[in-house]
Amino acid sequence: MNRGTAVELDSMRLVGAGGIQCLVCDESNTADAETCHECHAPMVLAHQARNPERAPLMLAALGPSGVGKTVYLGMLLDMLSRQVGDMQLTARGGFSVNLQQTTVAALARNEFPSKTPSEPDRWNWVHGQIRSARFAEPLELVLPDLAGEALFQEVDHPRSYRIIHALLGRCQGVLVLVDAAKLQSGSLDEDFFTMKLLSHLSEVTGDRRTGLSARPVAIVFSKADQCETCFDDPAAYAERHAPGLWRICQQRFTSHRFFAAGVAGACMTKRLRGGATQSIPLRIEPRGIVEPFEWLMKSLSI
């Protein structure tokens, strides 16, 4: 006959000493938890950002699957960490370099990074410090690489992803990516999805005075290198090719601006077995990457 073994339940450990709140959803977790038991955000964020005087600045990059969020964010982080201009980023924790490293390594192999998995515990998160002459001291920044498919599910079925719902409620600003190449080809899917996304943001994240409707929103036309006219006047491009998106921005968001960005100067399409195609970057010529982020930071009420 085996002796009984006393096992400490997590619920009991949470009420004891050493518990810590998730930085995203505020749920209590054990001090040794790797991810939040409720929303699956990495608990290392809470351990690193334990300044009671100022919570970290949270931003989000949003858009459908395949729009290029991972490529854009990876290139943005790489440029901010290397540039000597007004705004610079210093990563906090080795995990904060993963997104940058994965993107740069893939592009060096003439590949695009793999699609972000839908499971929140497999997303890349960035925690860094932003330094600028306009800030008296460095600002803490948290920025995740959300999966487009998970975001689509949350838009269609609110609160299906606790982590996305909680994150959007905390975001001080957002970057919304739209595939300019698809708009140029006449596809309406991008316009419809972005309309749904912006409508969701304006309805479920507080009222018009305190929610995302009153916070800065940067609309970034990704893959703009495939349609040069987008760089000339992004707002006019939006009005012409995505009228629904342009109208909802005018009516519901008090602080918004349109941008054009591109990472690959030239691409080729490779046909795979079964009829599928794969886009291959031939050369890397980042354009318009940092400008949306800089505008977002300057527009924040800090």
Protein backbone atom coordinates (compact mmCIF):
# COMPACT_ATOMS: atom_id res chain seq x y z
CA MET A 1 0.00 0.00 0.00
CA ASN A 2 1.46 3.35 -1.04
CA ARG A 3 1.59 6.26 1.31
CA GLY A 4 -0.35 9.36 0.36
CA THR A 5 1.59 12.33 -0.93
CA ALA A 6 0.73 15.93 -0.11
CA VAL A 7 0.48 18.00 -3.30
CA GLU A 8 0.23 21.76 -3.10
CA LEU A 9 -2.55 22.98 -5.37
CA ASP A 10 -1.85 25.98 -7.63
CA SER A 11 -4.91 27.71 -6.18
CA MET A 12 -3.33 27.56 -2.73
CA ARG A 13 0.03 28.76 -4.02
CA LEU A 14 -1.65 31.76 -5.66
CA VAL A 15 -3.00 33.07 -2.38
CA GLY A 16 0.33 32.60 -0.66
CA ALA A 17 3.46 34.66 -0.82
CA GLY A 18 5.25 35.03 -4.12
CA GLY A 19 2.22 35.25 -6.44
CA ILE A 20 2.51 37.65 -9.36
CA GLN A 21 -0.03 39.27 -11.67
CA CYS A 22 0.01 38.78 -15.44
CA LEU A 23 1.00 41.98 -17.20
CA VAL A 24 -1.72 41.50 -19.85
CA CYS A 25 -4.83 40.17 -18.10
CA ASP A 26 -4.03 40.88 -14.39
CA GLU A 27 -4.70 37.27 -13.34
CA SER A 28 -2.65 35.99 -10.40
CA ASN A 29 -0.06 33.34 -11.18
CA THR A 30 2.50 31.40 -9.22
CA ALA A 31 5.93 32.97 -9.10
CA ASP A 32 7.46 30.11 -11.11
CA ALA A 33 4.84 30.06 -13.89
CA GLU A 34 6.26 30.43 -17.41
CA THR A 35 2.98 31.53 -19.01
CA CYS A 36 -0.21 32.95 -17.54
CA HIS A 37 -2.68 30.20 -16.69
CA GLU A 38 -5.53 32.36 -18.01
CA CYS A 39 -4.30 34.10 -21.20
CA HIS A 40 -0.95 32.34 -21.86
CA ALA A 41 1.09 35.56 -22.00
CA PRO A 42 4.74 35.02 -20.96
CA MET A 43 5.15 35.72 -17.26
CA VAL A 44 8.71 36.95 -17.80
CA LEU A 45 7.10 40.23 -18.88
CA ALA A 46 5.61 40.69 -15.42
CA HIS A 47 8.89 39.78 -13.71
CA GLN A 48 10.87 42.30 -15.77
CA ALA A 49 8.34 45.14 -15.59
CA ARG A 50 7.69 45.45 -11.86
CA ASN A 51 7.92 49.23 -11.66
CA PRO A 52 4.84 50.31 -9.65
CA GLU A 53 5.19 53.91 -10.79
CA ARG A 54 4.81 53.35 -14.53
CA ALA A 55 3.32 50.41 -16.40
CA PRO A 56 4.97 49.50 -19.72
CA LEU A 57 3.67 51.04 -22.90
CA MET A 58 1.73 48.43 -24.90
CA LEU A 59 1.30 48.52 -28.67
CA ALA A 60 -0.11 45.97 -31.10
CA ALA A 61 0.41 45.22 -34.79
CA LEU A 62 -2.83 43.93 -36.29
CA GLY A 63 -3.82 42.49 -39.65
CA PRO A 64 -4.95 39.30 -41.39
CA SER A 65 -2.77 36.24 -41.86
CA GLY A 66 -0.22 36.73 -44.63
CA VAL A 67 -0.26 40.54 -44.53
CA GLY A 68 3.37 40.65 -43.40
CA LYS A 69 3.17 41.50 -39.68
CA THR A 70 6.13 39.31 -38.72
CA VAL A 71 8.32 40.67 -41.53
CA TYR A 72 7.37 44.26 -40.74
CA LEU A 73 7.89 43.93 -36.98
CA GLY A 74 11.15 42.03 -37.35
CA MET A 75 12.56 44.65 -39.72
CA LEU A 76 11.27 47.49 -37.51
CA LEU A 77 12.99 46.06 -34.46
CA ASP A 78 16.21 45.48 -36.39
CA MET A 79 16.28 49.07 -37.65
CA LEU A 80 15.41 50.60 -34.27
CA SER A 81 18.10 48.57 -32.52
CA ARG A 82 20.79 49.60 -35.02
CA GLN A 83 19.96 53.18 -35.98
CA VAL A 84 21.67 56.17 -34.40
CA GLY A 85 18.77 58.56 -35.00
CA ASP A 86 16.31 60.10 -32.58
CA MET A 87 14.52 56.89 -31.57
CA GLN A 88 16.31 53.72 -30.51
CA LEU A 89 15.25 50.38 -29.05
CA THR A 90 17.16 48.20 -26.59
CA ALA A 91 15.81 44.70 -25.99
CA ARG A 92 15.18 43.47 -22.46
CA GLY A 93 15.68 39.72 -22.17
CA GLY A 94 16.96 37.28 -24.77
CA PHE A 95 13.41 36.32 -25.80
CA SER A 96 12.89 39.89 -27.05
CA VAL A 97 15.49 39.34 -29.79
CA ASN A 98 13.83 36.20 -31.21
CA LEU A 99 11.49 38.02 -33.59
CA GLN A 100 14.26 40.21 -34.97
CA GLN A 101 16.65 37.28 -35.33
CA THR A 102 14.10 35.00 -37.01
CA THR A 103 13.12 37.65 -39.55
CA VAL A 104 16.64 38.75 -40.46
CA ALA A 105 17.86 35.16 -40.75
CA ALA A 106 14.96 34.18 -43.04
CA LEU A 107 15.43 37.20 -45.31
CA ALA A 108 19.17 36.45 -45.53
CA ARG A 109 18.21 33.02 -46.93
CA ASN A 110 15.90 34.66 -49.47
CA GLU A 111 12.88 33.46 -47.54
CA PHE A 112 10.06 35.04 -45.59
CA PRO A 113 9.56 33.97 -41.94
CA SER A 114 7.12 31.17 -41.19
CA LYS A 115 3.53 32.02 -40.36
CA THR A 116 2.92 32.82 -36.69
CA PRO A 117 1.15 29.88 -34.96
CA SER A 118 -2.36 30.43 -33.61
CA GLU A 119 -1.43 29.20 -30.12
CA PRO A 120 -0.65 32.23 -27.89
CA ASP A 121 2.12 30.43 -25.99
CA ARG A 122 4.06 30.18 -29.29
CA TRP A 123 3.92 33.89 -30.19
CA ASN A 124 7.00 36.08 -30.15
CA TRP A 125 6.90 38.93 -27.64
CA VAL A 126 9.19 41.94 -27.46
CA HIS A 127 9.97 43.82 -24.27
CA GLY A 128 12.35 46.70 -24.77
CA GLN A 129 13.30 50.22 -23.81
CA ILE A 130 12.65 53.12 -26.19
CA ARG A 131 15.10 56.00 -25.96
CA SER A 132 14.46 59.38 -27.53
CA ALA A 133 15.43 62.99 -26.95
CA ARG A 134 11.77 63.81 -26.35
CA PHE A 135 11.53 61.42 -23.37
CA ALA A 136 13.09 62.37 -20.04
CA GLU A 137 13.89 58.71 -19.40
CA PRO A 138 13.62 55.46 -21.41
CA LEU A 139 10.11 54.08 -21.92
CA GLU A 140 9.29 50.42 -21.38
CA LEU A 141 7.61 48.91 -24.46
CA VAL A 142 5.75 45.60 -24.90
CA LEU A 143 4.90 44.51 -28.43
CA PRO A 144 3.69 41.00 -29.44
CA ASP A 145 3.56 39.35 -32.87
CA LEU A 146 -0.09 38.20 -32.91
CA ALA A 147 -1.29 35.45 -35.23
CA GLY A 148 -3.60 36.74 -37.95
CA GLU A 149 -5.86 33.69 -37.72
CA ALA A 150 -6.31 34.17 -33.96
CA LEU A 151 -7.11 37.85 -34.50
CA PHE A 152 -9.68 36.94 -37.17
CA GLN A 153 -11.32 34.53 -34.71
CA GLU A 154 -11.42 37.20 -31.99
CA VAL A 155 -12.99 39.75 -34.36
CA ASP A 156 -15.71 37.30 -35.42
CA HIS A 157 -16.24 35.90 -31.91
CA PRO A 158 -15.24 38.50 -29.28
CA ARG A 159 -13.52 37.16 -26.15
CA SER A 160 -12.69 33.84 -27.82
CA TYR A 161 -9.03 34.76 -27.27
CA ARG A 162 -8.69 36.19 -23.76
CA ILE A 163 -5.16 37.38 -24.45
CA ILE A 164 -6.17 39.46 -27.48
CA HIS A 165 -9.17 41.00 -25.75
CA ALA A 166 -7.08 41.95 -22.71
CA LEU A 167 -4.19 43.24 -24.80
CA LEU A 168 -6.38 45.50 -26.95
CA GLY A 169 -7.90 46.99 -23.82
CA ARG A 170 -4.42 47.99 -22.63
CA CYS A 171 -2.93 49.18 -25.93
CA GLN A 172 -2.10 52.88 -26.11
CA GLY A 173 -1.92 52.68 -29.90
CA VAL A 174 -2.03 50.19 -32.76
CA LEU A 175 -0.45 49.53 -36.13
CA VAL A 176 -2.96 48.10 -38.62
CA LEU A 177 -1.35 46.42 -41.63
CA VAL A 178 -3.19 46.18 -44.96
CA ASP A 179 -1.91 44.24 -48.00
CA ALA A 180 -1.47 46.91 -50.68
CA ALA A 181 -0.65 44.33 -53.36
CA LYS A 182 -4.00 42.59 -52.87
CA LEU A 183 -5.85 45.92 -52.96
CA GLN A 184 -4.01 46.79 -56.17
CA SER A 185 -5.15 43.52 -57.76
CA GLY A 186 -8.78 44.39 -57.03
CA SER A 187 -9.32 42.05 -54.05
CA LEU A 188 -11.92 43.35 -51.61
CA ASP A 189 -11.03 40.94 -48.81
CA GLU A 190 -8.46 43.30 -47.30
CA ASP A 191 -10.94 46.18 -47.23
CA PHE A 192 -13.65 44.04 -45.64
CA PHE A 193 -11.37 42.51 -43.01
CA THR A 194 -9.88 45.86 -42.01
CA MET A 195 -13.36 47.38 -41.76
CA LYS A 196 -14.38 44.54 -39.44
CA LEU A 197 -11.19 44.94 -37.40
CA LEU A 198 -11.52 48.71 -36.98
CA SER A 199 -15.21 48.39 -36.13
CA HIS A 200 -14.26 45.81 -33.49
CA LEU A 201 -11.60 48.11 -32.06
CA SER A 202 -13.99 51.04 -31.81
CA GLU A 203 -16.77 49.02 -30.17
CA VAL A 204 -15.13 46.71 -27.62
CA THR A 205 -12.21 48.73 -26.22
CA GLY A 206 -14.04 51.45 -24.29
CA ASP A 207 -16.00 54.56 -25.23
CA ARG A 208 -14.98 57.18 -27.79
CA ARG A 209 -13.18 59.25 -25.15
CA THR A 210 -11.08 56.54 -23.50
CA GLY A 211 -11.00 53.57 -25.90
CA LEU A 212 -8.93 52.93 -29.00
CA SER A 213 -11.14 55.33 -30.95
CA ALA A 214 -9.36 58.15 -29.14
CA ARG A 215 -5.88 56.62 -29.39
CA PRO A 216 -3.50 56.87 -32.36
CA VAL A 217 -3.98 54.31 -35.14
CA ALA A 218 -1.39 53.97 -37.90
CA ILE A 219 -2.73 52.29 -41.05
CA VAL A 220 0.27 50.74 -42.84
CA PHE A 221 -0.02 49.50 -46.42
CA SER A 222 2.41 46.58 -46.42
CA LYS A 223 4.09 45.21 -49.59
CA ALA A 224 3.81 48.70 -51.08
CA ASP A 225 6.98 47.99 -53.08
CA GLN A 226 4.67 46.06 -55.44
CA CYS A 227 2.58 49.18 -56.15
CA GLU A 228 4.71 52.31 -56.18
CA THR A 229 1.76 54.71 -56.39
CA CYS A 230 0.94 53.81 -52.79
CA PHE A 231 4.10 55.61 -51.61
CA ASP A 232 3.08 58.85 -53.35
CA ASP A 233 -0.03 59.48 -51.24
CA PRO A 234 -1.12 56.63 -48.90
CA ALA A 235 -4.31 58.45 -47.82
CA ALA A 236 -5.43 58.98 -51.42
CA TYR A 237 -4.55 55.34 -52.14
CA ALA A 238 -6.80 54.26 -49.27
CA GLU A 239 -9.69 56.43 -50.45
CA ARG A 240 -9.36 55.04 -53.98
CA HIS A 241 -8.72 51.34 -53.31
CA ALA A 242 -10.23 50.80 -49.82
CA PRO A 243 -13.13 53.28 -49.48
CA GLY A 244 -14.73 51.37 -46.60
CA LEU A 245 -11.51 51.47 -44.60
CA TRP A 246 -10.94 55.13 -45.39
CA ARG A 247 -14.49 56.10 -44.35
CA ILE A 248 -14.49 54.23 -41.04
CA CYS A 249 -11.18 55.90 -40.13
CA GLN A 250 -12.67 59.34 -40.82
CA GLN A 251 -15.80 58.65 -38.80
CA ARG A 252 -14.56 56.69 -35.78
CA PHE A 253 -10.89 57.44 -35.11
CA THR A 254 -9.87 60.92 -34.07
CA SER A 255 -6.12 60.28 -34.50
CA HIS A 256 -5.13 58.21 -37.52
CA ARG A 257 -2.71 58.38 -40.41
CA PHE A 258 -1.97 56.29 -43.50
CA PHE A 259 1.52 55.01 -44.37
CA ALA A 260 3.14 52.85 -47.05
CA ALA A 261 5.90 50.36 -46.24
CA GLY A 262 7.89 47.70 -48.02
CA VAL A 263 10.68 45.31 -47.07
CA ALA A 264 11.48 43.36 -50.23
CA GLY A 265 12.60 45.49 -53.15
CA ALA A 266 11.79 42.68 -55.58
CA CYS A 267 10.12 39.27 -55.30
CA MET A 268 9.56 36.26 -57.50
CA THR A 269 6.83 33.65 -57.29
CA LYS A 270 7.81 29.99 -57.10
CA ARG A 271 5.25 27.34 -58.03
CA LEU A 272 5.18 24.39 -55.65
CA ARG A 273 3.85 20.89 -56.07
CA GLY A 274 0.09 20.74 -55.96
CA GLY A 275 -0.34 24.18 -57.52
CA ALA A 276 0.54 26.26 -54.47
CA THR A 277 2.85 29.27 -54.85
CA GLN A 278 5.60 30.72 -52.67
CA SER A 279 6.84 34.29 -52.70
CA ILE A 280 10.64 34.64 -52.58
CA PRO A 281 12.37 37.96 -51.72
CA LEU A 282 15.19 38.65 -54.17
CA ARG A 283 16.64 41.71 -52.43
CA ILE A 284 15.93 43.60 -49.21
CA GLU A 285 15.18 47.31 -49.53
CA PRO A 286 13.22 48.50 -46.47
CA ARG A 287 11.15 51.63 -47.09
CA GLY A 288 8.72 53.40 -44.78
CA ILE A 289 9.33 50.97 -41.90
CA VAL A 290 10.20 53.31 -39.04
CA GLU A 291 7.94 56.26 -39.94
CA PRO A 292 4.61 54.73 -38.74
CA PHE A 293 6.15 53.74 -35.42
CA GLU A 294 7.73 57.16 -34.90
CA TRP A 295 4.40 58.89 -35.65
CA LEU A 296 2.65 56.56 -33.22
CA MET A 297 5.12 57.34 -30.44
CA LYS A 298 4.89 61.09 -31.05
CA SER A 299 1.07 60.93 -31.01
CA LEU A 300 0.83 59.19 -27.66
CA SER A 301 -0.15 61.19 -24.58
CA ILE A 302 2.99 60.47 -22.58
